[in-house]
PDB file of N, CA and C in Angstrom:
ATOM      1  N   MET A   1     119.219 152.517 189.438  1.00  0.00           N
ATOM      2  CA  MET A   1     120.605 152.030 189.573  1.00  0.00           C
ATOM      3  C   MET A   1     121.023 153.831 189.493  1.00  0.00           C
ATOM      4  N   THR A   2     122.436 154.280 189.632  1.00  0.00           N
ATOM      5  CA  THR A   2     122.492 155.331 189.575  1.00  0.00           C
ATOM      6  C   THR A   2     124.127 155.619 188.904  1.00  0.00           C
ATOM      7  N   GLY A   3     124.198 156.455 188.392  1.00  0.00           N
ATOM      8  CA  GLY A   3     125.986 156.551 187.843  1.00  0.00           C
ATOM      9  C   GLY A   3     126.128 158.117 188.533  1.00  0.00           C
ATOM     10  N   ALA A   4     127.602 158.012 188.691  1.00  0.00           N
ATOM     11  CA  ALA A   4     127.868 159.442 189.183  1.00  0.00           C
ATOM     12  C   ALA A   4     129.194 160.066 188.408  1.00  0.00           C
ATOM     13  N   PHE A   5     129.297 161.408 188.191  1.00  0.00           N
ATOM     14  CA  PHE A   5     130.224 162.202 187.095  1.00  0.00           C
ATOM     15  C   PHE A   5     130.659 162.970 188.634  1.00  0.00           C
ATOM     16  N   THR A   6     132.166 163.066 188.609  1.00  0.00           N
ATOM     17  CA  THR A   6     132.802 164.089 189.052  1.00  0.00           C
ATOM     18  C   THR A   6     133.583 165.164 188.540  1.00  0.00           C
ATOM     19  N   ASP A   7     133.323 166.341 189.008  1.00  0.00           N
ATOM     20  CA  ASP A   7     133.931 167.407 187.976  1.00  0.00           C
ATOM     21  C   ASP A   7     134.673 168.279 189.318  1.00  0.00           C
ATOM     22  N   GLN A   8     136.232 168.013 189.217  1.00  0.00           N
ATOM     23  CA  GLN A   8     136.893 168.347 189.882  1.00  0.00           C
ATOM     24  C   GLN A   8     137.170 169.988 190.448  1.00  0.00           C
ATOM     25  N   ALA A   9     137.341 170.562 188.816  1.00  0.00           N
ATOM     26  CA  ALA A   9     136.943 171.820 188.791  1.00  0.00           C
ATOM     27  C   ALA A   9     135.817 172.739 189.358  1.00  0.00           C
ATOM     28  N   SER A  10     134.777 172.344 189.061  1.00  0.00           N
ATOM     29  CA  SER A  10     133.651 173.010 190.084  1.00  0.00           C
ATOM     30  C   SER A  10     133.413 172.712 191.468  1.00  0.00           C
ATOM     31  N   LYS A  11     133.909 171.587 191.408  1.00  0.00           N
ATOM     32  CA  LYS A  11     133.740 170.427 193.138  1.00  0.00           C
ATOM     33  C   LYS A  11     132.156 169.847 193.030  1.00  0.00           C
ATOM     34  N   THR A  12     131.814 169.361 191.720  1.00  0.00           N
ATOM     35  CA  THR A  12     130.584 169.083 191.907  1.00  0.00           C
ATOM     36  C   THR A  12     130.598 167.422 191.468  1.00  0.00           C
ATOM     37  N   ILE A  13     129.611 166.470 192.313  1.00  0.00           N
ATOM     38  CA  ILE A  13     129.481 165.300 191.841  1.00  0.00           C
ATOM     39  C   ILE A  13     128.112 165.320 191.200  1.00  0.00           C
ATOM     40  N   SER A  14     127.675 164.535 189.970  1.00  0.00           N
ATOM     41  CA  SER A  14     126.355 164.425 189.428  1.00  0.00           C
ATOM     42  C   SER A  14     126.081 163.050 189.467  1.00  0.00           C
ATOM     43  N   LEU A  15     124.915 163.033 190.005  1.00  0.00           N
ATOM     44  CA  LEU A  15     124.558 161.656 190.075  1.00  0.00           C
ATOM     45  C   LEU A  15     123.386 161.594 189.368  1.00  0.00           C
ATOM     46  N   ILE A  16     123.581 161.015 188.320  1.00  0.00           N
ATOM     47  CA  ILE A  16     122.559 160.557 186.504  1.00  0.00           C
ATOM     48  C   ILE A  16     121.829 159.516 187.403  1.00  0.00           C
ATOM     49  N   SER A  17     120.256 159.552 187.251  1.00  0.00           N
ATOM     50  CA  SER A  17     119.368 158.958 187.966  1.00  0.00           C
ATOM     51  C   SER A  17     117.987 159.689 187.594  1.00  0.00           C
ATOM     52  N   ALA A  18     116.822 158.786 187.623  1.00  0.00           N
ATOM     53  CA  ALA A  18     115.507 159.409 187.188  1.00  0.00           C
ATOM     54  C   ALA A  18     115.114 158.844 188.587  1.00  0.00           C
ATOM     55  N   ASP A  19     115.720 157.926 189.220  1.00  0.00           N
ATOM     56  CA  ASP A  19     115.056 157.426 190.801  1.00  0.00           C
ATOM     57  C   ASP A  19     114.798 158.091 191.801  1.00  0.00           C
ATOM     58  N   ASP A  20     113.944 158.057 192.707  1.00  0.00           N
ATOM     59  CA  ASP A  20     113.706 158.523 193.891  1.00  0.00           C
ATOM     60  C   ASP A  20     115.168 158.470 194.670  1.00  0.00           C
ATOM     61  N   LEU A  21     115.768 159.558 195.180  1.00  0.00           N
ATOM     62  CA  LEU A  21     116.898 159.603 195.918  1.00  0.00           C
ATOM     63  C   LEU A  21     117.066 160.129 197.407  1.00  0.00           C
ATOM     64  N   SER A  22     115.464 160.134 197.560  1.00  0.00           N
ATOM     65  CA  SER A  22     115.122 161.199 199.080  1.00  0.00           C
ATOM     66  C   SER A  22     115.892 160.613 200.409  1.00  0.00           C
ATOM     67  N   SER A  23     116.050 159.322 200.267  1.00  0.00           N
ATOM     68  CA  SER A  23     116.822 158.670 201.691  1.00  0.00           C
ATOM     69  C   SER A  23     117.956 157.412 201.406  1.00  0.00           C
ATOM     70  N   CYS A  24     119.109 158.159 200.891  1.00  0.00           N
ATOM     71  CA  CYS A  24     120.076 157.144 200.432  1.00  0.00           C
ATOM     72  C   CYS A  24     121.166 157.136 201.090  1.00  0.00           C
ATOM     73  N   LEU A  25     121.898 155.596 201.063  1.00  0.00           N
ATOM     74  CA  LEU A  25     123.229 155.458 201.831  1.00  0.00           C
ATOM     75  C   LEU A  25     124.282 155.451 200.435  1.00  0.00           C
ATOM     76  N   ALA A  26     125.444 155.777 200.574  1.00  0.00           N
ATOM     77  CA  ALA A  26     126.139 155.808 199.455  1.00  0.00           C
ATOM     78  C   ALA A  26     127.628 155.502 199.610  1.00  0.00           C
ATOM     79  N   ASP A  27     128.412 154.442 198.569  1.00  0.00           N
ATOM     80  CA  ASP A  27     129.696 154.346 198.709  1.00  0.00           C
ATOM     81  C   ASP A  27     130.687 155.445 198.291  1.00  0.00           C
ATOM     82  N   PHE A  28     131.730 155.423 198.987  1.00  0.00           N
ATOM     83  CA  PHE A  28     132.516 156.706 198.563  1.00  0.00           C
ATOM     84  C   PHE A  28     133.802 155.981 198.466  1.00  0.00           C
ATOM     85  N   GLU A  29     135.083 156.945 197.977  1.00  0.00           N
ATOM     86  CA  GLU A  29     136.360 156.759 198.399  1.00  0.00           C
ATOM     87  C   GLU A  29     136.974 157.826 198.199  1.00  0.00           C
ATOM     88  N   VAL A  30     137.757 158.016 199.658  1.00  0.00           N
ATOM     89  CA  VAL A  30     138.429 159.516 199.248  1.00  0.00           C
ATOM     90  C   VAL A  30     140.083 158.737 199.544  1.00  0.00           C
ATOM     91  N   SER A  31     141.034 159.834 199.826  1.00  0.00           N
ATOM     92  CA  SER A  31     142.158 159.731 199.615  1.00  0.00           C
ATOM     93  C   SER A  31     142.401 158.771 201.343  1.00  0.00           C
ATOM     94  N   ALA A  32     143.709 158.033 201.375  1.00  0.00           N
ATOM     95  CA  ALA A  32     144.069 157.458 202.677  1.00  0.00           C
ATOM     96  C   ALA A  32     143.997 158.708 203.506  1.00  0.00           C
ATOM     97  N   HIS A  33     143.423 158.343 204.630  1.00  0.00           N
ATOM     98  CA  HIS A  33     143.623 159.082 206.045  1.00  0.00           C
ATOM     99  C   HIS A  33     142.327 160.168 205.964  1.00  0.00           C
ATOM    100  N   ALA A  34     141.917 160.379 205.161  1.00  0.00           N
ATOM    101  CA  ALA A  34     140.949 161.971 204.682  1.00  0.00           C
ATOM    102  C   ALA A  34     139.781 161.329 205.186  1.00  0.00           C
ATOM    103  N   THR A  35     138.844 162.232 205.956  1.00  0.00           N
ATOM    104  CA  THR A  35     137.674 161.910 206.132  1.00  0.00           C
ATOM    105  C   THR A  35     136.332 162.401 205.437  1.00  0.00           C
ATOM    106  N   ILE A  36     135.116 162.100 205.347  1.00  0.00           N
ATOM    107  CA  ILE A  36     134.276 162.979 204.694  1.00  0.00           C
ATOM    108  C   ILE A  36     132.999 163.196 205.856  1.00  0.00           C
ATOM    109  N   SER A  37     132.461 164.710 205.704  1.00  0.00           N
ATOM    110  CA  SER A  37     131.340 164.622 206.872  1.00  0.00           C
ATOM    111  C   SER A  37     130.212 165.676 205.797  1.00  0.00           C
ATOM    112  N   PRO A  38     129.069 164.991 206.011  1.00  0.00           N
ATOM    113  CA  PRO A  38     128.575 163.947 206.945  1.00  0.00           C
ATOM    114  C   PRO A  38     129.044 162.470 205.731  1.00  0.00           C
ATOM    115  N   ASP A  39     129.050 161.514 206.737  1.00  0.00           N
ATOM    116  CA  ASP A  39     129.431 160.434 206.077  1.00  0.00           C
ATOM    117  C   ASP A  39     128.539 159.516 205.466  1.00  0.00           C
ATOM    118  N   PRO A  40     128.341 159.669 203.770  1.00  0.00           N
ATOM    119  CA  PRO A  40     127.320 159.414 203.403  1.00  0.00           C
ATOM    120  C   PRO A  40     127.277 157.675 203.384  1.00  0.00           C
ATOM    121  N   SER A  41     127.864 156.782 204.000  1.00  0.00           N
ATOM    122  CA  SER A  41     127.945 155.396 204.055  1.00  0.00           C
ATOM    123  C   SER A  41     127.011 155.133 205.340  1.00  0.00           C
ATOM    124  N   THR A  42     126.788 156.369 206.215  1.00  0.00           N
ATOM    125  CA  THR A  42     126.102 156.059 207.564  1.00  0.00           C
ATOM    126  C   THR A  42     124.963 156.723 207.866  1.00  0.00           C
ATOM    127  N   THR A  43     125.040 157.988 207.109  1.00  0.00           N
ATOM    128  CA  THR A  43     123.769 158.848 207.106  1.00  0.00           C
ATOM    129  C   THR A  43     123.014 158.764 205.988  1.00  0.00           C
ATOM    130  N   ALA A  44     121.983 158.715 206.113  1.00  0.00           N
ATOM    131  CA  ALA A  44     120.840 158.389 204.952  1.00  0.00           C
ATOM    132  C   ALA A  44     121.124 160.027 204.419  1.00  0.00           C
ATOM    133  N   LEU A  45     121.081 160.295 203.108  1.00  0.00           N
ATOM    134  CA  LEU A  45     120.868 161.771 202.540  1.00  0.00           C
ATOM    135  C   LEU A  45     119.737 161.692 201.489  1.00  0.00           C
ATOM    136  N   ASN A  46     119.234 163.047 201.611  1.00  0.00           N
ATOM    137  CA  ASN A  46     118.145 163.334 200.364  1.00  0.00           C
ATOM    138  C   ASN A  46     119.069 163.847 199.317  1.00  0.00           C
ATOM    139  N   TYR A  47     119.208 163.065 198.113  1.00  0.00           N
ATOM    140  CA  TYR A  47     119.931 163.473 197.076  1.00  0.00           C
ATOM    141  C   TYR A  47     119.048 163.887 195.523  1.00  0.00           C
ATOM    142  N   ASN A  48     117.966 164.335 196.191  1.00  0.00           N
ATOM    143  CA  ASN A  48     116.827 164.871 195.237  1.00  0.00           C
ATOM    144  C   ASN A  48     117.127 166.402 195.265  1.00  0.00           C
ATOM    145  N   GLU A  49     117.933 166.561 196.424  1.00  0.00           N
ATOM    146  CA  GLU A  49     118.322 168.058 196.300  1.00  0.00           C
ATOM    147  C   GLU A  49     120.024 168.239 196.614  1.00  0.00           C
ATOM    148  N   PRO A  50     120.435 169.320 196.001  1.00  0.00           N
ATOM    149  CA  PRO A  50     121.839 169.436 196.344  1.00  0.00           C
ATOM    150  C   PRO A  50     122.106 169.006 197.697  1.00  0.00           C
ATOM    151  N   VAL A  51     123.207 168.449 197.888  1.00  0.00           N
ATOM    152  CA  VAL A  51     123.996 168.332 199.400  1.00  0.00           C
ATOM    153  C   VAL A  51     125.329 168.394 199.443  1.00  0.00           C
ATOM    154  N   GLU A  52     125.742 168.953 200.530  1.00  0.00           N
ATOM    155  CA  GLU A  52     127.114 169.469 200.306  1.00  0.00           C
ATOM    156  C   GLU A  52     127.893 168.267 201.638  1.00  0.00           C
ATOM    157  N   LEU A  53     129.135 167.736 200.791  1.00  0.00           N
ATOM    158  CA  LEU A  53     129.880 167.049 201.677  1.00  0.00           C
ATOM    159  C   LEU A  53     131.247 167.731 201.884  1.00  0.00           C
ATOM    160  N   THR A  54     131.611 167.700 202.988  1.00  0.00           N
ATOM    161  CA  THR A  54     133.325 168.021 203.225  1.00  0.00           C
ATOM    162  C   THR A  54     134.131 167.365 203.337  1.00  0.00           C
ATOM    163  N   VAL A  55     135.130 167.137 202.580  1.00  0.00           N
ATOM    164  CA  VAL A  55     136.228 166.030 202.882  1.00  0.00           C
ATOM    165  C   VAL A  55     137.674 166.940 203.546  1.00  0.00           C
ATOM    166  N   THR A  56     138.006 165.924 204.535  1.00  0.00           N
ATOM    167  CA  THR A  56     139.085 166.712 205.508  1.00  0.00           C
ATOM    168  C   THR A  56     140.418 166.149 205.318  1.00  0.00           C
ATOM    169  N   ALA A  57     141.418 166.907 204.872  1.00  0.00           N
ATOM    170  CA  ALA A  57     142.849 165.868 204.570  1.00  0.00           C
ATOM    171  C   ALA A  57     143.220 165.485 205.682  1.00  0.00           C
ATOM    172  N   HIS A  58     144.306 164.110 205.726  1.00  0.00           N
ATOM    173  CA  HIS A  58     144.749 163.650 206.448  1.00  0.00           C
ATOM    174  C   HIS A  58     144.993 164.612 207.965  1.00  0.00           C
ATOM    175  N   ASN A  59     145.858 165.998 207.732  1.00  0.00           N
ATOM    176  CA  ASN A  59     146.112 166.584 208.676  1.00  0.00           C
ATOM    177  C   ASN A  59     144.971 167.502 209.661  1.00  0.00           C
ATOM    178  N   GLY A  60     143.728 167.104 208.963  1.00  0.00           N
ATOM    179  CA  GLY A  60     142.804 167.850 209.813  1.00  0.00           C
ATOM    180  C   GLY A  60     142.539 169.035 209.739  1.00  0.00           C
ATOM    181  N   VAL A  61     143.236 169.988 208.682  1.00  0.00           N
ATOM    182  CA  VAL A  61     143.182 171.045 208.536  1.00  0.00           C
ATOM    183  C   VAL A  61     142.447 171.657 207.284  1.00  0.00           C
ATOM    184  N   ASP A  62     143.451 171.154 205.763  1.00  0.00           N
ATOM    185  CA  ASP A  62     142.639 171.160 204.788  1.00  0.00           C
ATOM    186  C   ASP A  62     141.314 170.771 204.706  1.00  0.00           C
ATOM    187  N   LYS A  63     140.747 171.454 203.668  1.00  0.00           N
ATOM    188  CA  LYS A  63     139.028 170.813 203.762  1.00  0.00           C
ATOM    189  C   LYS A  63     138.883 171.217 202.086  1.00  0.00           C
ATOM    190  N   GLN A  64     137.670 170.674 201.509  1.00  0.00           N
ATOM    191  CA  GLN A  64     137.266 170.643 200.579  1.00  0.00           C
ATOM    192  C   GLN A  64     135.866 170.274 200.578  1.00  0.00           C
ATOM    193  N   VAL A  65     135.017 171.475 199.848  1.00  0.00           N
ATOM    194  CA  VAL A  65     133.151 171.192 200.154  1.00  0.00           C
ATOM    195  C   VAL A  65     133.063 170.644 198.495  1.00  0.00           C
ATOM    196  N   TYR A  66     132.223 169.710 198.853  1.00  0.00           N
ATOM    197  CA  TYR A  66     131.783 169.331 197.402  1.00  0.00           C
ATOM    198  C   TYR A  66     130.449 169.032 197.140  1.00  0.00           C
ATOM    199  N   THR A  67     130.092 169.574 196.189  1.00  0.00           N
ATOM    200  CA  THR A  67     128.243 169.578 196.082  1.00  0.00           C
ATOM    201  C   THR A  67     127.761 168.432 195.291  1.00  0.00           C
ATOM    202  N   VAL A  68     126.886 168.003 195.676  1.00  0.00           N
ATOM    203  CA  VAL A  68     126.298 166.376 195.342  1.00  0.00           C
ATOM    204  C   VAL A  68     124.718 166.740 194.422  1.00  0.00           C
ATOM    205  N   LYS A  69     124.687 166.613 192.941  1.00  0.00           N
ATOM    206  CA  LYS A  69     123.327 166.887 192.881  1.00  0.00           C
ATOM    207  C   LYS A  69     122.758 166.145 191.681  1.00  0.00           C
ATOM    208  N   LYS A  70     121.416 165.631 191.766  1.00  0.00           N
ATOM    209  CA  LYS A  70     120.985 164.562 191.179  1.00  0.00           C
ATOM    210  C   LYS A  70     120.426 165.309 189.568  1.00  0.00           C
ATOM    211  N   ILE A  71     120.781 164.744 188.578  1.00  0.00           N
ATOM    212  CA  ILE A  71     120.797 164.944 187.360  1.00  0.00           C
ATOM    213  C   ILE A  71     119.511 163.770 187.022  1.00  0.00           C
ATOM    214  N   ILE A  72     118.529 164.485 186.285  1.00  0.00           N
ATOM    215  CA  ILE A  72     117.919 163.322 185.383  1.00  0.00           C
ATOM    216  C   ILE A  72     118.315 163.258 183.843  1.00  0.00           C
ATOM    217  N   PRO A  73     118.251 162.098 183.142  1.00  0.00           N
ATOM    218  CA  PRO A  73     118.995 161.978 181.890  1.00  0.00           C
ATOM    219  C   PRO A  73     117.706 162.605 181.013  1.00  0.00           C
ATOM    220  N   ALA A  74     118.361 163.417 179.922  1.00  0.00           N
ATOM    221  CA  ALA A  74     117.375 163.798 179.017  1.00  0.00           C
ATOM    222  C   ALA A  74     116.684 162.677 178.210  1.00  0.00           C
ATOM    223  N   LYS A  75     115.322 162.849 177.772  1.00  0.00           N
ATOM    224  CA  LYS A  75     114.457 161.664 176.909  1.00  0.00           C
ATOM    225  C   LYS A  75     114.417 162.134 175.689  1.00  0.00           C
ATOM    226  N   ILE A  76     114.567 161.470 174.753  1.00  0.00           N
ATOM    227  CA  ILE A  76     114.316 161.669 173.193  1.00  0.00           C
ATOM    228  C   ILE A  76     113.081 161.655 173.190  1.00  0.00           C
ATOM    229  N   PRO A  77     112.248 162.256 172.317  1.00  0.00           N
ATOM    230  CA  PRO A  77     110.887 162.448 172.200  1.00  0.00           C
ATOM    231  C   PRO A  77     110.252 160.835 171.835  1.00  0.00           C
ATOM    232  N   TYR A  78     110.878 160.153 171.206  1.00  0.00           N
ATOM    233  CA  TYR A  78     110.515 158.930 170.470  1.00  0.00           C
ATOM    234  C   TYR A  78     111.529 158.295 170.146  1.00  0.00           C
ATOM    235  N   GLY A  79     111.459 156.813 170.315  1.00  0.00           N
ATOM    236  CA  GLY A  79     112.363 155.946 169.278  1.00  0.00           C
ATOM    237  C   GLY A  79     113.535 155.649 169.974  1.00  0.00           C
ATOM    238  N   PHE A  80     114.225 155.246 169.446  1.00  0.00           N
ATOM    239  CA  PHE A  80     115.675 154.799 169.609  1.00  0.00           C
ATOM    240  C   PHE A  80     116.625 155.885 168.501  1.00  0.00           C
ATOM    241  N   ASN A  81     117.779 156.084 168.996  1.00  0.00           N
ATOM    242  CA  ASN A  81     118.932 156.619 168.189  1.00  0.00           C
ATOM    243  C   ASN A  81     119.236 155.554 167.107  1.00  0.00           C
ATOM    244  N   ALA A  82     119.033 155.547 165.909  1.00  0.00           N
ATOM    245  CA  ALA A  82     119.507 154.588 165.257  1.00  0.00           C
ATOM    246  C   ALA A  82     121.087 154.159 164.840  1.00  0.00           C
ATOM    247  N   THR A  83     121.810 155.365 165.373  1.00  0.00           N
ATOM    248  CA  THR A  83     123.146 155.112 165.637  1.00  0.00           C
ATOM    249  C   THR A  83     123.783 154.407 166.994  1.00  0.00           C
ATOM    250  N   SER A  84     122.866 154.330 167.875  1.00  0.00           N
ATOM    251  CA  SER A  84     123.332 153.736 168.881  1.00  0.00           C
ATOM    252  C   SER A  84     122.733 152.375 169.157  1.00  0.00           C
ATOM    253  N   VAL A  85     122.096 151.663 168.138  1.00  0.00           N
ATOM    254  CA  VAL A  85     121.749 150.240 168.345  1.00  0.00           C
ATOM    255  C   VAL A  85     122.639 149.464 167.354  1.00  0.00           C
ATOM    256  N   GLU A  86     122.657 148.089 168.110  1.00  0.00           N
ATOM    257  CA  GLU A  86     123.606 147.249 167.299  1.00  0.00           C
ATOM    258  C   GLU A  86     122.696 146.163 167.199  1.00  0.00           C
ATOM    259  N   LEU A  87     122.614 145.308 166.074  1.00  0.00           N
ATOM    260  CA  LEU A  87     121.790 144.149 166.026  1.00  0.00           C
ATOM    261  C   LEU A  87     122.320 143.049 166.088  1.00  0.00           C
ATOM    262  N   LEU A  88     122.351 142.265 166.943  1.00  0.00           N
ATOM    263  CA  LEU A  88     123.344 141.317 167.743  1.00  0.00           C
ATOM    264  C   LEU A  88     122.364 139.978 167.129  1.00  0.00           C
ATOM    265  N   PHE A  89     121.167 139.787 166.927  1.00  0.00           N
ATOM    266  CA  PHE A  89     120.488 138.513 166.389  1.00  0.00           C
ATOM    267  C   PHE A  89     119.767 138.602 165.327  1.00  0.00           C
ATOM    268  N   ASN A  90     119.475 137.911 164.051  1.00  0.00           N
ATOM    269  CA  ASN A  90     118.669 137.963 163.171  1.00  0.00           C
ATOM    270  C   ASN A  90     118.245 136.563 162.889  1.00  0.00           C
ATOM    271  N   SER A  91     116.871 136.437 162.950  1.00  0.00           N
ATOM    272  CA  SER A  91     116.458 135.070 162.721  1.00  0.00           C
ATOM    273  C   SER A  91     115.818 134.772 161.224  1.00  0.00           C
TER     274      SER A  91
END
């Protein structure tokens, strides 16, 4: 499973995953009548390395390039963070 975070200021999309993303299709949403190239829903891309996607506005002229990159979540050295665990059942 992969989560994603988009930073509009730096035009980056971070994929948060420890999985192998070497040949993946992706779901995406762009503004109405805009297009994306290459189309990640029909072209398998290697997200283990940074990938550039170009979004073209409906007028066919205005374009923006986004860089998609994989980020592996940091692991804590041991155990659980005591403040992030909630006791649900107690027998």
